[in-house]
C-alpha atoms as a PDB file:
ATOM      1  CA  UNK A   1      -2.167   0.778 -55.022  1.00  0.00           C
ATOM      2  CA  UNK A   2      -0.831   3.961 -53.397  1.00  0.00           C
ATOM      3  CA  UNK A   3      -2.215   6.055 -56.288  1.00  0.00           C
ATOM      4  CA  UNK A   4      -5.647   4.440 -55.926  1.00  0.00           C
ATOM      5  CA  UNK A   5      -5.701   5.155 -52.199  1.00  0.00           C
ATOM      6  CA  UNK A   6      -4.697   8.769 -52.818  1.00  0.00           C
ATOM      7  CA  UNK A   7      -7.569   9.141 -55.269  1.00  0.00           C
ATOM      8  CA  UNK A   8     -10.067   7.567 -52.889  1.00  0.00           C
ATOM      9  CA  UNK A   9      -9.011   9.148 -49.589  1.00  0.00           C
ATOM     10  CA  UNK A  10      -7.150  12.225 -50.817  1.00  0.00           C
ATOM     11  CA  UNK A  11      -5.450  14.463 -48.247  1.00  0.00           C
ATOM     12  CA  UNK A  12      -6.191  12.136 -45.325  1.00  0.00           C
ATOM     13  CA  UNK A  13      -4.158   9.331 -46.880  1.00  0.00           C
ATOM     14  CA  UNK A  14      -1.404  11.767 -47.916  1.00  0.00           C
ATOM     15  CA  UNK A  15      -0.985  12.835 -44.274  1.00  0.00           C
ATOM     16  CA  UNK A  16      -0.931   9.172 -43.274  1.00  0.00           C
ATOM     17  CA  UNK A  17       1.893   8.467 -45.731  1.00  0.00           C
ATOM     18  CA  UNK A  18       3.951  11.456 -44.595  1.00  0.00           C
ATOM     19  CA  UNK A  19       3.608  10.288 -40.990  1.00  0.00           C
ATOM     20  CA  UNK A  20       4.816   6.733 -41.603  1.00  0.00           C
ATOM     21  CA  UNK A  21       6.844   6.727 -44.813  1.00  0.00           C
ATOM     22  CA  UNK A  22      10.228   7.498 -43.201  1.00  0.00           C
ATOM     23  CA  UNK A  23      10.061   4.596 -40.750  1.00  0.00           C
ATOM     24  CA  UNK A  24       8.606   2.312 -43.377  1.00  0.00           C
ATOM     25  CA  UNK A  25      11.464   3.050 -45.763  1.00  0.00           C
ATOM     26  CA  UNK A  26      13.838   2.109 -42.952  1.00  0.00           C
ATOM     27  CA  UNK A  27      12.085  -1.257 -42.537  1.00  0.00           C
ATOM     28  CA  UNK A  28      12.301  -1.849 -46.292  1.00  0.00           C
ATOM     29  CA  UNK A  29      15.980  -0.881 -46.581  1.00  0.00           C
ATOM     30  CA  UNK A  30      16.961  -3.024 -43.588  1.00  0.00           C
ATOM     31  CA  UNK A  31      14.866  -6.002 -44.791  1.00  0.00           C
ATOM     32  CA  UNK A  32      13.071  -6.357 -41.468  1.00  0.00           C
ATOM     33  CA  UNK A  33      11.118  -9.622 -41.257  1.00  0.00           C
ATOM     34  CA  UNK A  34       7.398  -9.806 -40.563  1.00  0.00           C
ATOM     35  CA  UNK A  35       7.893 -13.170 -38.839  1.00  0.00           C
ATOM     36  CA  UNK A  36      10.554 -13.991 -36.276  1.00  0.00           C
ATOM     37  CA  UNK A  37      11.468 -17.607 -36.985  1.00  0.00           C
ATOM     38  CA  UNK A  38      14.269 -20.160 -37.260  1.00  0.00           C
ATOM     39  CA  UNK A  39      13.517 -21.262 -40.817  1.00  0.00           C
ATOM     40  CA  UNK A  40      15.449 -20.512 -43.992  1.00  0.00           C
ATOM     41  CA  UNK A  41      15.042 -16.980 -45.341  1.00  0.00           C
ATOM     42  CA  UNK A  42      13.396 -18.198 -48.563  1.00  0.00           C
ATOM     43  CA  UNK A  43      10.510 -19.831 -46.674  1.00  0.00           C
ATOM     44  CA  UNK A  44       6.994 -18.562 -47.319  1.00  0.00           C
ATOM     45  CA  UNK A  45       4.354 -18.457 -44.607  1.00  0.00           C
ATOM     46  CA  UNK A  46       0.590 -18.815 -44.727  1.00  0.00           C
ATOM     47  CA  UNK A  47      -1.748 -18.063 -41.846  1.00  0.00           C
ATOM     48  CA  UNK A  48      -4.633 -20.505 -41.622  1.00  0.00           C
ATOM     49  CA  UNK A  49      -7.813 -19.535 -39.812  1.00  0.00           C
ATOM     50  CA  UNK A  50     -10.703 -21.786 -38.849  1.00  0.00           C
ATOM     51  CA  UNK A  51     -14.156 -20.297 -38.434  1.00  0.00           C
ATOM     52  CA  UNK A  52     -17.124 -22.075 -36.883  1.00  0.00           C
ATOM     53  CA  UNK A  53     -20.400 -21.449 -38.715  1.00  0.00           C
ATOM     54  CA  UNK A  54     -23.639 -23.294 -37.939  1.00  0.00           C
ATOM     55  CA  UNK A  55     -21.731 -25.994 -36.079  1.00  0.00           C
ATOM     56  CA  UNK A  56     -19.399 -26.701 -39.008  1.00  0.00           C
ATOM     57  CA  UNK A  57     -15.710 -25.881 -39.315  1.00  0.00           C
ATOM     58  CA  UNK A  58     -14.738 -23.788 -42.308  1.00  0.00           C
ATOM     59  CA  UNK A  59     -11.054 -23.302 -43.128  1.00  0.00           C
ATOM     60  CA  UNK A  60      -9.784 -20.135 -44.715  1.00  0.00           C
ATOM     61  CA  UNK A  61      -6.144 -19.957 -45.779  1.00  0.00           C
ATOM     62  CA  UNK A  62      -5.095 -16.374 -46.235  1.00  0.00           C
ATOM     63  CA  UNK A  63      -2.867 -15.307 -49.073  1.00  0.00           C
ATOM     64  CA  UNK A  64       0.829 -15.635 -48.399  1.00  0.00           C
ATOM     65  CA  UNK A  65       2.020 -12.538 -46.586  1.00  0.00           C
ATOM     66  CA  UNK A  66       5.369 -10.994 -47.574  1.00  0.00           C
ATOM     67  CA  UNK A  67       7.863 -11.965 -44.876  1.00  0.00           C
ATOM     68  CA  UNK A  68      10.197  -9.178 -46.008  1.00  0.00           C
ATOM     69  CA  UNK A  69       8.167  -6.199 -47.298  1.00  0.00           C
ATOM     70  CA  UNK A  70       9.878  -4.708 -50.343  1.00  0.00           C
ATOM     71  CA  UNK A  71       7.887  -1.511 -50.931  1.00  0.00           C
ATOM     72  CA  UNK A  72       5.374   0.906 -49.406  1.00  0.00           C
ATOM     73  CA  UNK A  73       2.452  -0.971 -50.962  1.00  0.00           C
ATOM     74  CA  UNK A  74       3.373  -4.159 -49.096  1.00  0.00           C
ATOM     75  CA  UNK A  75       3.797  -2.194 -45.859  1.00  0.00           C
ATOM     76  CA  UNK A  76       0.274  -0.816 -46.297  1.00  0.00           C
ATOM     77  CA  UNK A  77      -1.080  -4.333 -46.873  1.00  0.00           C
ATOM     78  CA  UNK A  78       0.610  -5.627 -43.702  1.00  0.00           C
ATOM     79  CA  UNK A  79      -0.617  -2.741 -41.588  1.00  0.00           C
ATOM     80  CA  UNK A  80      -4.214  -3.082 -42.819  1.00  0.00           C
ATOM     81  CA  UNK A  81      -4.146  -6.842 -42.291  1.00  0.00           C
ATOM     82  CA  UNK A  82      -2.708  -6.608 -38.756  1.00  0.00           C
ATOM     83  CA  UNK A  83      -5.122  -3.848 -37.794  1.00  0.00           C
ATOM     84  CA  UNK A  84      -7.980  -6.124 -38.826  1.00  0.00           C
ATOM     85  CA  UNK A  85      -6.553  -9.075 -36.860  1.00  0.00           C
ATOM     86  CA  UNK A  86      -6.154  -6.920 -33.728  1.00  0.00           C
ATOM     87  CA  UNK A  87      -9.935  -6.467 -33.758  1.00  0.00           C
ATOM     88  CA  UNK A  88     -10.586 -10.230 -33.720  1.00  0.00           C
ATOM     89  CA  UNK A  89     -10.871 -12.556 -30.732  1.00  0.00           C
ATOM     90  CA  UNK A  90      -9.491 -16.082 -31.182  1.00  0.00           C
ATOM     91  CA  UNK A  91     -10.456 -19.202 -29.257  1.00  0.00           C
ATOM     92  CA  UNK A  92      -7.135 -20.971 -29.941  1.00  0.00           C
ATOM     93  CA  UNK A  93      -3.892 -19.975 -31.694  1.00  0.00           C
ATOM     94  CA  UNK A  94      -0.837 -22.150 -32.335  1.00  0.00           C
ATOM     95  CA  UNK A  95       2.515 -20.572 -33.233  1.00  0.00           C
ATOM     96  CA  UNK A  96       4.764 -23.237 -34.770  1.00  0.00           C
ATOM     97  CA  UNK A  97       8.320 -21.969 -34.137  1.00  0.00           C
ATOM     98  CA  UNK A  98       7.262 -18.546 -35.374  1.00  0.00           C
ATOM     99  CA  UNK A  99       5.795 -15.283 -34.040  1.00  0.00           C
ATOM    100  CA  UNK A 100       5.163 -11.857 -35.483  1.00  0.00           C
ATOM    101  CA  UNK A 101       8.250  -9.668 -35.257  1.00  0.00           C
ATOM    102  CA  UNK A 102       7.625  -6.998 -32.558  1.00  0.00           C
ATOM    103  CA  UNK A 103      10.060  -4.635 -34.282  1.00  0.00           C
ATOM    104  CA  UNK A 104       8.067  -4.552 -37.511  1.00  0.00           C
ATOM    105  CA  UNK A 105       4.760  -4.216 -35.641  1.00  0.00           C
ATOM    106  CA  UNK A 106       6.105  -1.116 -33.909  1.00  0.00           C
ATOM    107  CA  UNK A 107       7.405   0.322 -37.180  1.00  0.00           C
ATOM    108  CA  UNK A 108       4.108  -0.306 -38.957  1.00  0.00           C
ATOM    109  CA  UNK A 109       2.069   1.469 -36.295  1.00  0.00           C
ATOM    110  CA  UNK A 110       4.698   3.818 -34.810  1.00  0.00           C
ATOM    111  CA  UNK A 111       3.246   3.301 -31.315  1.00  0.00           C
ATOM    112  CA  UNK A 112      -0.187   4.458 -32.477  1.00  0.00           C
ATOM    113  CA  UNK A 113      -2.153   4.772 -29.212  1.00  0.00           C
ATOM    114  CA  UNK A 114      -5.516   4.674 -30.996  1.00  0.00           C
ATOM    115  CA  UNK A 115      -5.017   1.030 -31.974  1.00  0.00           C
ATOM    116  CA  UNK A 116      -4.448  -1.687 -29.322  1.00  0.00           C
ATOM    117  CA  UNK A 117      -1.608  -3.728 -30.826  1.00  0.00           C
ATOM    118  CA  UNK A 118      -2.824  -6.897 -29.163  1.00  0.00           C
ATOM    119  CA  UNK A 119      -3.731 -10.383 -30.351  1.00  0.00           C
ATOM    120  CA  UNK A 120      -6.754 -11.333 -28.224  1.00  0.00           C
ATOM    121  CA  UNK A 121      -6.624 -15.078 -27.620  1.00  0.00           C
ATOM    122  CA  UNK A 122      -8.357 -17.451 -25.228  1.00  0.00           C
ATOM    123  CA  UNK A 123      -5.786 -20.273 -25.381  1.00  0.00           C
ATOM    124  CA  UNK A 124      -2.395 -19.944 -27.054  1.00  0.00           C
ATOM    125  CA  UNK A 125       0.431 -22.436 -27.632  1.00  0.00           C
ATOM    126  CA  UNK A 126       3.988 -21.585 -28.678  1.00  0.00           C
ATOM    127  CA  UNK A 127       6.452 -24.153 -29.995  1.00  0.00           C
ATOM    128  CA  UNK A 128       9.759 -22.425 -29.312  1.00  0.00           C
ATOM    129  CA  UNK A 129      13.425 -22.436 -30.244  1.00  0.00           C
ATOM    130  CA  UNK A 130      16.303 -21.182 -28.098  1.00  0.00           C
ATOM    131  CA  UNK A 131      17.579 -18.605 -30.580  1.00  0.00           C
ATOM    132  CA  UNK A 132      14.234 -16.813 -30.912  1.00  0.00           C
ATOM    133  CA  UNK A 133      13.074 -16.688 -27.297  1.00  0.00           C
ATOM    134  CA  UNK A 134      14.025 -13.018 -26.910  1.00  0.00           C
ATOM    135  CA  UNK A 135      11.647 -12.022 -29.719  1.00  0.00           C
ATOM    136  CA  UNK A 136       9.019 -14.383 -28.313  1.00  0.00           C
ATOM    137  CA  UNK A 137       9.323 -12.670 -24.928  1.00  0.00           C
ATOM    138  CA  UNK A 138       8.812  -9.205 -26.451  1.00  0.00           C
ATOM    139  CA  UNK A 139       5.901 -10.482 -28.514  1.00  0.00           C
ATOM    140  CA  UNK A 140       4.322 -12.187 -25.483  1.00  0.00           C
ATOM    141  CA  UNK A 141       4.628  -9.272 -23.063  1.00  0.00           C
ATOM    142  CA  UNK A 142       3.705  -6.534 -25.551  1.00  0.00           C
ATOM    143  CA  UNK A 143       1.333  -8.061 -28.087  1.00  0.00           C
ATOM    144  CA  UNK A 144      -0.558 -10.948 -26.465  1.00  0.00           C
ATOM    145  CA  UNK A 145      -3.666 -10.667 -24.323  1.00  0.00           C
ATOM    146  CA  UNK A 146      -4.595 -14.144 -23.083  1.00  0.00           C
ATOM    147  CA  UNK A 147      -7.929 -14.762 -21.378  1.00  0.00           C
ATOM    148  CA  UNK A 148      -7.281 -18.367 -20.286  1.00  0.00           C
ATOM    149  CA  UNK A 149      -3.820 -19.895 -20.774  1.00  0.00           C
ATOM    150  CA  UNK A 150      -0.495 -19.649 -22.603  1.00  0.00           C
ATOM    151  CA  UNK A 151       1.607 -22.785 -23.172  1.00  0.00           C
ATOM    152  CA  UNK A 152       5.283 -22.979 -24.125  1.00  0.00           C
ATOM    153  CA  UNK A 153       6.448 -26.277 -25.633  1.00  0.00           C
ATOM    154  CA  UNK A 154      10.217 -26.733 -25.871  1.00  0.00           C
ATOM    155  CA  UNK A 155      11.242 -29.389 -28.358  1.00  0.00           C
ATOM    156  CA  UNK A 156      14.986 -28.838 -27.873  1.00  0.00           C
ATOM    157  CA  UNK A 157      16.935 -30.924 -25.357  1.00  0.00           C
ATOM    158  CA  UNK A 158      18.174 -27.929 -23.386  1.00  0.00           C
ATOM    159  CA  UNK A 159      17.217 -24.361 -22.508  1.00  0.00           C
ATOM    160  CA  UNK A 160      20.085 -21.899 -22.166  1.00  0.00           C
ATOM    161  CA  UNK A 161      20.629 -19.895 -18.989  1.00  0.00           C
ATOM    162  CA  UNK A 162      19.882 -16.706 -20.924  1.00  0.00           C
ATOM    163  CA  UNK A 163      16.516 -18.101 -21.968  1.00  0.00           C
ATOM    164  CA  UNK A 164      15.734 -19.320 -18.460  1.00  0.00           C
ATOM    165  CA  UNK A 165      16.093 -15.675 -17.425  1.00  0.00           C
ATOM    166  CA  UNK A 166      13.859 -14.590 -20.324  1.00  0.00           C
ATOM    167  CA  UNK A 167      11.168 -17.058 -19.225  1.00  0.00           C
ATOM    168  CA  UNK A 168      11.525 -15.817 -15.665  1.00  0.00           C
ATOM    169  CA  UNK A 169      10.943 -12.256 -16.899  1.00  0.00           C
ATOM    170  CA  UNK A 170       7.741 -13.338 -18.653  1.00  0.00           C
ATOM    171  CA  UNK A 171       6.464 -15.153 -15.550  1.00  0.00           C
ATOM    172  CA  UNK A 172       7.256 -12.292 -13.162  1.00  0.00           C
ATOM    173  CA  UNK A 173       5.873  -9.507 -15.384  1.00  0.00           C
ATOM    174  CA  UNK A 174       2.895 -11.094 -17.121  1.00  0.00           C
ATOM    175  CA  UNK A 175       0.100 -10.816 -14.570  1.00  0.00           C
ATOM    176  CA  UNK A 176      -1.825  -8.155 -16.501  1.00  0.00           C
ATOM    177  CA  UNK A 177      -2.133 -10.226 -19.696  1.00  0.00           C
ATOM    178  CA  UNK A 178      -1.386 -13.838 -18.719  1.00  0.00           C
ATOM    179  CA  UNK A 179      -3.694 -15.570 -16.195  1.00  0.00           C
ATOM    180  CA  UNK A 180      -1.957 -18.955 -16.566  1.00  0.00           C
ATOM    181  CA  UNK A 181       1.333 -20.066 -18.136  1.00  0.00           C
ATOM    182  CA  UNK A 182       2.345 -23.690 -18.699  1.00  0.00           C
ATOM    183  CA  UNK A 183       5.903 -24.688 -19.658  1.00  0.00           C
ATOM    184  CA  UNK A 184       6.579 -28.158 -21.055  1.00  0.00           C
ATOM    185  CA  UNK A 185      10.115 -29.443 -21.548  1.00  0.00           C
ATOM    186  CA  UNK A 186      12.070 -32.701 -21.624  1.00  0.00           C
ATOM    187  CA  UNK A 187      15.032 -31.381 -19.631  1.00  0.00           C
ATOM    188  CA  UNK A 188      14.519 -31.303 -15.887  1.00  0.00           C
ATOM    189  CA  UNK A 189      17.796 -29.576 -15.064  1.00  0.00           C
ATOM    190  CA  UNK A 190      16.841 -26.418 -16.931  1.00  0.00           C
ATOM    191  CA  UNK A 191      13.285 -26.023 -15.674  1.00  0.00           C
ATOM    192  CA  UNK A 192      14.480 -26.846 -12.160  1.00  0.00           C
ATOM    193  CA  UNK A 193      16.608 -23.680 -12.414  1.00  0.00           C
ATOM    194  CA  UNK A 194      13.511 -21.718 -13.363  1.00  0.00           C
ATOM    195  CA  UNK A 195      11.670 -23.273 -10.430  1.00  0.00           C
ATOM    196  CA  UNK A 196      14.420 -22.048  -8.081  1.00  0.00           C
ATOM    197  CA  UNK A 197      14.161 -18.509  -9.471  1.00  0.00           C
ATOM    198  CA  UNK A 198      10.391 -18.506  -8.978  1.00  0.00           C
ATOM    199  CA  UNK A 199      10.730 -19.674  -5.355  1.00  0.00           C
ATOM    200  CA  UNK A 200      13.335 -16.989  -4.687  1.00  0.00           C
ATOM    201  CA  UNK A 201      11.087 -14.311  -6.168  1.00  0.00           C
ATOM    202  CA  UNK A 202       8.043 -15.423  -4.193  1.00  0.00           C
ATOM    203  CA  UNK A 203       9.859 -15.584  -0.854  1.00  0.00           C
ATOM    204  CA  UNK A 204      12.198 -12.575  -1.082  1.00  0.00           C
ATOM    205  CA  UNK A 205      10.886 -10.061  -3.658  1.00  0.00           C
ATOM    206  CA  UNK A 206       7.913  -7.952  -4.642  1.00  0.00           C
ATOM    207  CA  UNK A 207       5.966 -10.387  -6.800  1.00  0.00           C
ATOM    208  CA  UNK A 208       2.908  -8.240  -7.510  1.00  0.00           C
ATOM    209  CA  UNK A 209       3.310  -8.719 -11.285  1.00  0.00           C
ATOM    210  CA  UNK A 210       3.833 -12.482 -11.254  1.00  0.00           C
ATOM    211  CA  UNK A 211       1.556 -14.716 -13.351  1.00  0.00           C
ATOM    212  CA  UNK A 212      -1.194 -16.062 -11.005  1.00  0.00           C
ATOM    213  CA  UNK A 213      -0.902 -19.701 -12.135  1.00  0.00           C
ATOM    214  CA  UNK A 214       2.361 -21.306 -13.285  1.00  0.00           C
ATOM    215  CA  UNK A 215       2.659 -24.942 -14.353  1.00  0.00           C
ATOM    216  CA  UNK A 216       5.926 -26.761 -15.100  1.00  0.00           C
ATOM    217  CA  UNK A 217       5.980 -30.196 -16.759  1.00  0.00           C
ATOM    218  CA  UNK A 218       9.194 -32.039 -17.510  1.00  0.00           C
ATOM    219  CA  UNK A 219      11.091 -35.283 -17.011  1.00  0.00           C
ATOM    220  CA  UNK A 220      14.159 -36.130 -14.988  1.00  0.00           C
ATOM    221  CA  UNK A 221      16.664 -38.953 -14.844  1.00  0.00           C
ATOM    222  CA  UNK A 222      17.086 -38.435 -11.095  1.00  0.00           C
ATOM    223  CA  UNK A 223      14.926 -37.708  -8.056  1.00  0.00           C
ATOM    224  CA  UNK A 224      13.516 -34.195  -7.951  1.00  0.00           C
ATOM    225  CA  UNK A 225      15.064 -32.038  -5.229  1.00  0.00           C
ATOM    226  CA  UNK A 226      13.121 -29.153  -3.682  1.00  0.00           C
ATOM    227  CA  UNK A 227      14.782 -25.805  -3.085  1.00  0.00           C
ATOM    228  CA  UNK A 228      16.087 -25.257   0.462  1.00  0.00           C
ATOM    229  CA  UNK A 229      13.867 -22.170   0.794  1.00  0.00           C
ATOM    230  CA  UNK A 230      10.783 -24.385   0.601  1.00  0.00           C
ATOM    231  CA  UNK A 231      11.693 -27.307   2.832  1.00  0.00           C
ATOM    232  CA  UNK A 232       8.098 -27.548   4.083  1.00  0.00           C
ATOM    233  CA  UNK A 233       6.862 -28.422   0.600  1.00  0.00           C
ATOM    234  CA  UNK A 234       6.508 -32.164   0.151  1.00  0.00           C
ATOM    235  CA  UNK A 235       6.456 -33.996  -3.136  1.00  0.00           C
ATOM    236  CA  UNK A 236       2.918 -35.060  -3.955  1.00  0.00           C
ATOM    237  CA  UNK A 237       1.280 -32.699  -1.438  1.00  0.00           C
ATOM    238  CA  UNK A 238      -0.032 -29.140  -1.299  1.00  0.00           C
ATOM    239  CA  UNK A 239       1.613 -26.370   0.710  1.00  0.00           C
ATOM    240  CA  UNK A 240       1.681 -22.589   0.883  1.00  0.00           C
ATOM    241  CA  UNK A 241       4.465 -20.006   0.975  1.00  0.00           C
ATOM    242  CA  UNK A 242       3.857 -16.383   2.017  1.00  0.00           C
ATOM    243  CA  UNK A 243       5.404 -13.391   0.304  1.00  0.00           C
ATOM    244  CA  UNK A 244       7.756 -11.356   2.503  1.00  0.00           C
ATOM    245  CA  UNK A 245       6.428  -8.030   1.164  1.00  0.00           C
ATOM    246  CA  UNK A 246       2.767  -8.915   1.638  1.00  0.00           C
ATOM    247  CA  UNK A 247       2.020 -11.814   4.035  1.00  0.00           C
ATOM    248  CA  UNK A 248      -1.611 -11.792   2.878  1.00  0.00           C
ATOM    249  CA  UNK A 249      -0.451 -12.936  -0.534  1.00  0.00           C
ATOM    250  CA  UNK A 250       0.440 -16.623  -0.518  1.00  0.00           C
ATOM    251  CA  UNK A 251       1.327 -19.153  -3.180  1.00  0.00           C
ATOM    252  CA  UNK A 252       0.083 -22.715  -3.075  1.00  0.00           C
ATOM    253  CA  UNK A 253       2.347 -25.428  -4.444  1.00  0.00           C
ATOM    254  CA  UNK A 254       1.568 -28.856  -5.793  1.00  0.00           C
ATOM    255  CA  UNK A 255       4.714 -30.857  -6.519  1.00  0.00           C
ATOM    256  CA  UNK A 256       4.259 -34.332  -7.940  1.00  0.00           C
ATOM    257  CA  UNK A 257       6.648 -36.875  -9.360  1.00  0.00           C
ATOM    258  CA  UNK A 258       6.068 -40.379 -10.612  1.00  0.00           C
ATOM    259  CA  UNK A 259       7.835 -43.015 -12.693  1.00  0.00           C
ATOM    260  CA  UNK A 260       6.471 -43.879 -16.116  1.00  0.00           C
ATOM    261  CA  UNK A 261       8.341 -46.584 -18.055  1.00  0.00           C
ATOM    262  CA  UNK A 262      11.523 -45.837 -16.153  1.00  0.00           C
ATOM    263  CA  UNK A 263      11.221 -42.071 -16.673  1.00  0.00           C
ATOM    264  CA  UNK A 264      10.755 -39.746 -13.711  1.00  0.00           C
ATOM    265  CA  UNK A 265       8.028 -37.276 -14.641  1.00  0.00           C
ATOM    266  CA  UNK A 266       7.590 -34.037 -12.721  1.00  0.00           C
ATOM    267  CA  UNK A 267       4.583 -31.747 -12.452  1.00  0.00           C
ATOM    268  CA  UNK A 268       4.743 -28.471 -10.522  1.00  0.00           C
ATOM    269  CA  UNK A 269       1.743 -26.186 -10.086  1.00  0.00           C
ATOM    270  CA  UNK A 270       2.207 -22.777  -8.445  1.00  0.00           C
ATOM    271  CA  UNK A 271      -0.919 -20.715  -7.782  1.00  0.00           C
ATOM    272  CA  UNK A 272      -1.308 -17.286  -6.222  1.00  0.00           C
ATOM    273  CA  UNK A 273      -3.797 -17.114  -3.343  1.00  0.00           C
ATOM    274  CA  UNK A 274      -4.887 -13.744  -1.953  1.00  0.00           C
ATOM    275  CA  UNK A 275      -6.382 -13.992   1.539  1.00  0.00           C
END
């Protein structure tokens, strides 16, 4: 394949190879994964795309991409494929315990400023695992541009303190690319900690980069307790909290809890309001 490209594009492709070959050889020698995931290393992955034509859904399953590129030819294939995908706009994308590895994306493009390394998505959903949330955070903040909403679904029974801090980083730095973030979990204790961090940020810190709309959904075995910093917020009602750095910027809160088949369900909606 490399020889054919040299014949077709000549010196231009030769310069391209010289520019990237060193970093690409590093990725090959270190067996850097294309996909960050929690599955066994022998797993193969296929990306399925659905295209709407004339009111009918047409499915197109792409060829299996090499999860661990083994030579320059495979690196070229991955770069060309990703460059094409970066030029698409998707209505909905679902990542099932897997995201593209930010490290390999950066190696493939070597911070090429001429190409926006962004997946342009209207609505995106991520099913996540604890041990991969760091990669998911880097992927989210650096390679996702969401026009409507991003949802995190946590299937595990707990979220570690480290990952609570990672989620907090996403929420407090994602304003430019994330208009709304929804987090769904079945462990109230952990997301309650995240709620406390958000309240602290809103009331005591510069929150100019915070995501404008944040939604938390989870269940609890006990009654939901509001943070002491927001004593005026009542469960089941709306209230506002002003930011200390800019009183004109306020955040409206809607905190609701109800019992469903003996389970206490909690819904928290935090929305930025600029007066």
